[in-house]
Amino acid sequence: MRHWSYHYLASLGLAVASAIMAAAVFRFKTQEGGLSRLAGATKNYLSCVLECLLEIGQHSEEAEASEHSAYRQILSIRAVHLMALFILIYVGYVSCENSSDLS
């Protein structure tokens, strides 16, 4: 490979393009800044999040305030457990296949 340094330049180009796109999408807003601006007017965090979603064009059909944490809500979904089981079996299978190729 004569021009191995071009790999670094390609990686740098992708990183710069990603940074420019992120800056264009988020308009240099921080997560805390966007929510604190809304939280100043209304002290309810859920309403702040809903206003942020409406600001970017997403509409919430049904906003339900729950007393449980976000992790508890996510882990109560059956699909999450099925996906975790699939990943566990798949990674185990691929690991066994690759280890048998080595011997």
N, C-alpha and C. Protein backbone atom coordinates (compact mmCIF):
# COMPACT_ATOMS: atom_id res chain seq x y z
N MET A 1 0.84 -1.18 0.00
CA MET A 1 0.00 0.00 0.00
C MET A 1 0.88 1.24 0.00
N ARG A 2 0.86 1.96 -1.07
CA ARG A 2 1.70 3.14 -1.19
C ARG A 2 1.15 4.32 -0.39
N HIS A 3 -0.14 4.50 -0.41
CA HIS A 3 -0.73 5.69 0.21
C HIS A 3 -1.60 5.28 1.41
N TRP A 4 -0.99 4.67 2.40
CA TRP A 4 -1.74 4.21 3.57
C TRP A 4 -2.27 5.38 4.38
N SER A 5 -1.66 6.55 4.25
CA SER A 5 -2.12 7.70 5.03
C SER A 5 -3.47 8.22 4.55
N TYR A 6 -3.90 7.82 3.35
CA TYR A 6 -5.20 8.25 2.86
C TYR A 6 -6.34 7.69 3.72
N HIS A 7 -6.10 6.58 4.40
CA HIS A 7 -7.11 6.02 5.29
C HIS A 7 -7.40 7.00 6.43
N TYR A 8 -6.37 7.62 6.96
CA TYR A 8 -6.56 8.61 8.01
C TYR A 8 -7.29 9.85 7.49
N LEU A 9 -6.97 10.26 6.27
CA LEU A 9 -7.64 11.41 5.70
C LEU A 9 -9.12 11.13 5.42
N ALA A 10 -9.42 9.92 4.98
CA ALA A 10 -10.82 9.55 4.76
C ALA A 10 -11.59 9.54 6.08
N SER A 11 -10.97 9.01 7.12
CA SER A 11 -11.60 8.99 8.43
C SER A 11 -11.80 10.41 8.95
N LEU A 12 -10.82 11.27 8.76
CA LEU A 12 -10.93 12.66 9.17
C LEU A 12 -12.05 13.36 8.40
N GLY A 13 -12.16 13.09 7.12
CA GLY A 13 -13.23 13.68 6.31
C GLY A 13 -14.61 13.27 6.79
N LEU A 14 -14.77 12.00 7.13
CA LEU A 14 -16.06 11.53 7.64
C LEU A 14 -16.38 12.16 8.99
N ALA A 15 -15.37 12.31 9.85
CA ALA A 15 -15.59 12.92 11.16
C ALA A 15 -16.00 14.38 11.02
N VAL A 16 -15.35 15.10 10.12
CA VAL A 16 -15.69 16.51 9.90
C VAL A 16 -17.10 16.63 9.32
N ALA A 17 -17.44 15.77 8.37
CA ALA A 17 -18.78 15.80 7.78
C ALA A 17 -19.84 15.50 8.85
N SER A 18 -19.55 14.55 9.72
CA SER A 18 -20.49 14.22 10.80
C SER A 18 -20.65 15.39 11.76
N ALA A 19 -19.56 16.06 12.09
CA ALA A 19 -19.64 17.21 13.00
C ALA A 19 -20.43 18.35 12.37
N ILE A 20 -20.24 18.58 11.10
CA ILE A 20 -20.98 19.65 10.41
C ILE A 20 -22.47 19.33 10.37
N MET A 21 -22.80 18.08 10.09
CA MET A 21 -24.21 17.69 10.04
C MET A 21 -24.86 17.77 11.43
N ALA A 22 -24.13 17.37 12.48
CA ALA A 22 -24.68 17.46 13.83
C ALA A 22 -24.90 18.92 14.22
N ALA A 23 -23.96 19.78 13.85
CA ALA A 23 -24.11 21.21 14.16
C ALA A 23 -25.30 21.80 13.41
N ALA A 24 -25.52 21.37 12.18
CA ALA A 24 -26.65 21.88 11.40
C ALA A 24 -27.98 21.39 11.97
N VAL A 25 -28.02 20.16 12.41
CA VAL A 25 -29.28 19.60 12.92
C VAL A 25 -29.62 20.19 14.29
N PHE A 26 -28.65 20.23 15.19
CA PHE A 26 -28.93 20.66 16.56
C PHE A 26 -28.71 22.15 16.77
N ARG A 27 -28.20 22.84 15.77
CA ARG A 27 -28.00 24.29 15.81
C ARG A 27 -27.26 24.73 17.06
N PHE A 28 -26.23 24.00 17.44
CA PHE A 28 -25.34 24.29 18.57
C PHE A 28 -26.08 24.40 19.90
N LYS A 29 -27.22 23.73 20.03
CA LYS A 29 -27.95 23.71 21.29
C LYS A 29 -27.43 22.55 22.13
N THR A 30 -27.32 22.76 23.42
CA THR A 30 -26.98 21.66 24.32
C THR A 30 -28.27 21.05 24.84
N GLN A 31 -28.16 19.84 25.33
CA GLN A 31 -29.35 19.17 25.86
C GLN A 31 -29.88 19.93 27.08
N GLU A 32 -28.96 20.37 27.95
CA GLU A 32 -29.38 21.09 29.14
C GLU A 32 -29.95 22.46 28.78
N GLY A 33 -29.36 23.11 27.79
CA GLY A 33 -29.82 24.44 27.39
C GLY A 33 -31.23 24.42 26.82
N GLY A 34 -31.53 23.45 26.00
CA GLY A 34 -32.85 23.36 25.41
C GLY A 34 -33.92 23.09 26.44
N LEU A 35 -33.63 22.21 27.38
CA LEU A 35 -34.62 21.88 28.41
C LEU A 35 -34.70 22.95 29.49
N SER A 36 -33.56 23.58 29.81
CA SER A 36 -33.60 24.59 30.87
C SER A 36 -34.38 25.81 30.41
N ARG A 37 -34.32 26.11 29.11
CA ARG A 37 -35.08 27.24 28.57
C ARG A 37 -36.57 26.98 28.76
N LEU A 38 -36.98 25.76 28.51
CA LEU A 38 -38.39 25.41 28.66
C LEU A 38 -38.76 25.20 30.13
N ALA A 39 -37.82 24.69 30.92
CA ALA A 39 -38.11 24.41 32.31
C ALA A 39 -38.26 25.68 33.12
N GLY A 40 -37.72 26.79 32.62
CA GLY A 40 -37.88 28.05 33.32
C GLY A 40 -39.34 28.49 33.35
N ALA A 41 -40.05 28.26 32.27
CA ALA A 41 -41.45 28.67 32.21
C ALA A 41 -42.36 27.65 32.88
N THR A 42 -42.07 26.38 32.69
CA THR A 42 -42.89 25.33 33.30
C THR A 42 -41.97 24.39 34.05
N LYS A 43 -42.29 24.08 35.26
CA LYS A 43 -41.43 23.25 36.10
C LYS A 43 -41.62 21.76 35.86
N ASN A 44 -42.54 21.38 35.02
CA ASN A 44 -42.82 19.97 34.78
C ASN A 44 -41.91 19.46 33.66
N TYR A 45 -41.08 18.47 33.97
CA TYR A 45 -40.11 17.95 33.00
C TYR A 45 -40.81 17.32 31.80
N LEU A 46 -41.89 16.60 32.02
CA LEU A 46 -42.60 15.94 30.92
C LEU A 46 -43.15 16.96 29.94
N SER A 47 -43.68 18.03 30.44
CA SER A 47 -44.20 19.05 29.52
C SER A 47 -43.06 19.71 28.75
N CYS A 48 -41.88 19.82 29.36
CA CYS A 48 -40.72 20.37 28.66
C CYS A 48 -40.31 19.45 27.51
N VAL A 49 -40.31 18.15 27.78
CA VAL A 49 -39.94 17.19 26.74
C VAL A 49 -40.96 17.22 25.62
N LEU A 50 -42.24 17.30 25.96
CA LEU A 50 -43.28 17.34 24.93
C LEU A 50 -43.18 18.61 24.09
N GLU A 51 -42.83 19.73 24.73
CA GLU A 51 -42.66 20.96 23.96
C GLU A 51 -41.45 20.86 23.03
N CYS A 52 -40.39 20.19 23.49
CA CYS A 52 -39.22 19.99 22.62
C CYS A 52 -39.59 19.11 21.43
N LEU A 53 -40.38 18.07 21.67
CA LEU A 53 -40.81 17.21 20.57
C LEU A 53 -41.68 17.97 19.58
N LEU A 54 -42.56 18.81 20.08
CA LEU A 54 -43.40 19.60 19.20
C LEU A 54 -42.56 20.61 18.41
N GLU A 55 -41.50 21.12 19.04
CA GLU A 55 -40.63 22.09 18.37
C GLU A 55 -39.92 21.47 17.16
N ILE A 56 -39.59 20.18 17.26
CA ILE A 56 -38.90 19.53 16.14
C ILE A 56 -39.87 18.84 15.19
N GLY A 57 -41.17 18.94 15.47
CA GLY A 57 -42.15 18.44 14.53
C GLY A 57 -42.73 17.08 14.85
N GLN A 58 -42.44 16.53 16.01
CA GLN A 58 -43.03 15.25 16.38
C GLN A 58 -44.23 15.51 17.27
N HIS A 59 -45.30 14.78 16.99
CA HIS A 59 -46.53 14.96 17.74
C HIS A 59 -46.79 13.73 18.60
N SER A 60 -47.09 13.95 19.86
CA SER A 60 -47.37 12.85 20.77
C SER A 60 -48.88 12.67 20.88
N GLU A 61 -49.36 11.50 20.51
CA GLU A 61 -50.79 11.22 20.58
C GLU A 61 -51.27 11.20 22.02
N GLU A 62 -50.52 10.49 22.84
CA GLU A 62 -50.96 10.30 24.22
C GLU A 62 -49.76 10.44 25.13
N ALA A 63 -49.73 11.48 25.91
CA ALA A 63 -48.62 11.71 26.83
C ALA A 63 -49.05 11.24 28.21
N GLU A 64 -48.42 10.18 28.67
CA GLU A 64 -48.79 9.65 29.98
C GLU A 64 -47.66 9.86 30.96
N ALA A 65 -47.97 10.42 32.08
CA ALA A 65 -46.97 10.65 33.12
C ALA A 65 -46.92 9.40 33.99
N SER A 66 -45.76 8.82 34.10
CA SER A 66 -45.63 7.59 34.86
C SER A 66 -44.75 7.84 36.08
N GLU A 67 -45.00 7.08 37.13
CA GLU A 67 -44.21 7.21 38.35
C GLU A 67 -42.96 6.33 38.30
N HIS A 68 -42.84 5.47 37.28
CA HIS A 68 -41.70 4.58 37.19
C HIS A 68 -40.57 5.23 36.42
N SER A 69 -39.37 4.72 36.65
CA SER A 69 -38.21 5.27 35.96
C SER A 69 -38.22 4.84 34.49
N ALA A 70 -37.38 5.49 33.71
CA ALA A 70 -37.32 5.19 32.28
C ALA A 70 -36.83 3.76 32.05
N TYR A 71 -35.84 3.32 32.84
CA TYR A 71 -35.34 1.95 32.68
C TYR A 71 -36.41 0.92 32.99
N ARG A 72 -37.21 1.17 33.99
CA ARG A 72 -38.27 0.23 34.33
C ARG A 72 -39.31 0.15 33.22
N GLN A 73 -39.61 1.29 32.61
CA GLN A 73 -40.56 1.30 31.51
C GLN A 73 -40.00 0.54 30.31
N ILE A 74 -38.72 0.72 30.02
CA ILE A 74 -38.11 0.03 28.89
C ILE A 74 -38.03 -1.47 29.14
N LEU A 75 -37.62 -1.85 30.35
CA LEU A 75 -37.46 -3.27 30.66
C LEU A 75 -38.79 -3.99 30.83
N SER A 76 -39.88 -3.27 30.88
CA SER A 76 -41.19 -3.93 30.97
C SER A 76 -41.73 -4.32 29.60
N ILE A 77 -41.03 -3.95 28.54
CA ILE A 77 -41.46 -4.28 27.18
C ILE A 77 -40.95 -5.68 26.82
N ARG A 78 -41.84 -6.52 26.35
CA ARG A 78 -41.50 -7.91 26.05
C ARG A 78 -40.50 -8.02 24.90
N ALA A 79 -40.59 -7.12 23.92
CA ALA A 79 -39.69 -7.16 22.77
C ALA A 79 -38.24 -6.94 23.18
N VAL A 80 -38.01 -6.17 24.22
CA VAL A 80 -36.64 -5.93 24.69
C VAL A 80 -36.03 -7.24 25.20
N HIS A 81 -36.80 -8.02 25.92
CA HIS A 81 -36.31 -9.29 26.44
C HIS A 81 -36.06 -10.29 25.31
N LEU A 82 -36.96 -10.30 24.33
CA LEU A 82 -36.76 -11.21 23.20
C LEU A 82 -35.53 -10.84 22.39
N MET A 83 -35.30 -9.55 22.21
CA MET A 83 -34.12 -9.11 21.48
C MET A 83 -32.85 -9.45 22.24
N ALA A 84 -32.86 -9.29 23.55
CA ALA A 84 -31.69 -9.63 24.36
C ALA A 84 -31.41 -11.13 24.29
N LEU A 85 -32.45 -11.95 24.30
CA LEU A 85 -32.27 -13.39 24.18
C LEU A 85 -31.70 -13.76 22.82
N PHE A 86 -32.21 -13.13 21.76
CA PHE A 86 -31.68 -13.38 20.42
C PHE A 86 -30.21 -13.01 20.34
N ILE A 87 -29.84 -11.85 20.87
CA ILE A 87 -28.45 -11.41 20.81
C ILE A 87 -27.56 -12.36 21.59
N LEU A 88 -28.02 -12.81 22.74
CA LEU A 88 -27.24 -13.75 23.55
C LEU A 88 -26.99 -15.05 22.78
N ILE A 89 -28.03 -15.60 22.18
CA ILE A 89 -27.88 -16.85 21.43
C ILE A 89 -27.03 -16.64 20.19
N TYR A 90 -27.25 -15.54 19.46
CA TYR A 90 -26.51 -15.28 18.23
C TYR A 90 -25.02 -15.10 18.50
N VAL A 91 -24.68 -14.30 19.50
CA VAL A 91 -23.27 -14.07 19.82
C VAL A 91 -22.62 -15.35 20.30
N GLY A 92 -23.33 -16.15 21.07
CA GLY A 92 -22.78 -17.43 21.50
C GLY A 92 -22.53 -18.37 20.34
N TYR A 93 -23.46 -18.40 19.41
CA TYR A 93 -23.30 -19.26 18.23
C TYR A 93 -22.12 -18.82 17.37
N VAL A 94 -22.04 -17.52 17.11
CA VAL A 94 -20.95 -17.00 16.27
C VAL A 94 -19.61 -17.21 16.95
N SER A 95 -19.56 -17.06 18.25
CA SER A 95 -18.31 -17.28 18.98
C SER A 95 -17.88 -18.74 18.88
N CYS A 96 -18.83 -19.65 18.99
CA CYS A 96 -18.50 -21.08 18.87
C CYS A 96 -18.05 -21.42 17.46
N GLU A 97 -18.71 -20.86 16.46
CA GLU A 97 -18.32 -21.11 15.07
C GLU A 97 -16.92 -20.60 14.79
N ASN A 98 -16.61 -19.40 15.27
CA ASN A 98 -15.29 -18.83 15.00
C ASN A 98 -14.20 -19.54 15.77
N SER A 99 -14.51 -20.03 16.95
CA SER A 99 -13.48 -20.73 17.72
C SER A 99 -13.20 -22.12 17.11
N SER A 100 -14.20 -22.72 16.48
CA SER A 100 -13.98 -24.02 15.86
C SER A 100 -13.17 -23.87 14.57
N ASP A 101 -13.22 -22.70 13.93
CA ASP A 101 -12.44 -22.46 12.74
C ASP A 101 -10.95 -22.31 13.07
N LEU A 102 -10.63 -21.89 14.26
CA LEU A 102 -9.25 -21.68 14.66
C LEU A 102 -8.49 -22.97 14.89
N SER A 103 -9.20 -24.01 15.27
CA SER A 103 -8.50 -25.28 15.57
C SER A 103 -8.38 -26.18 14.37
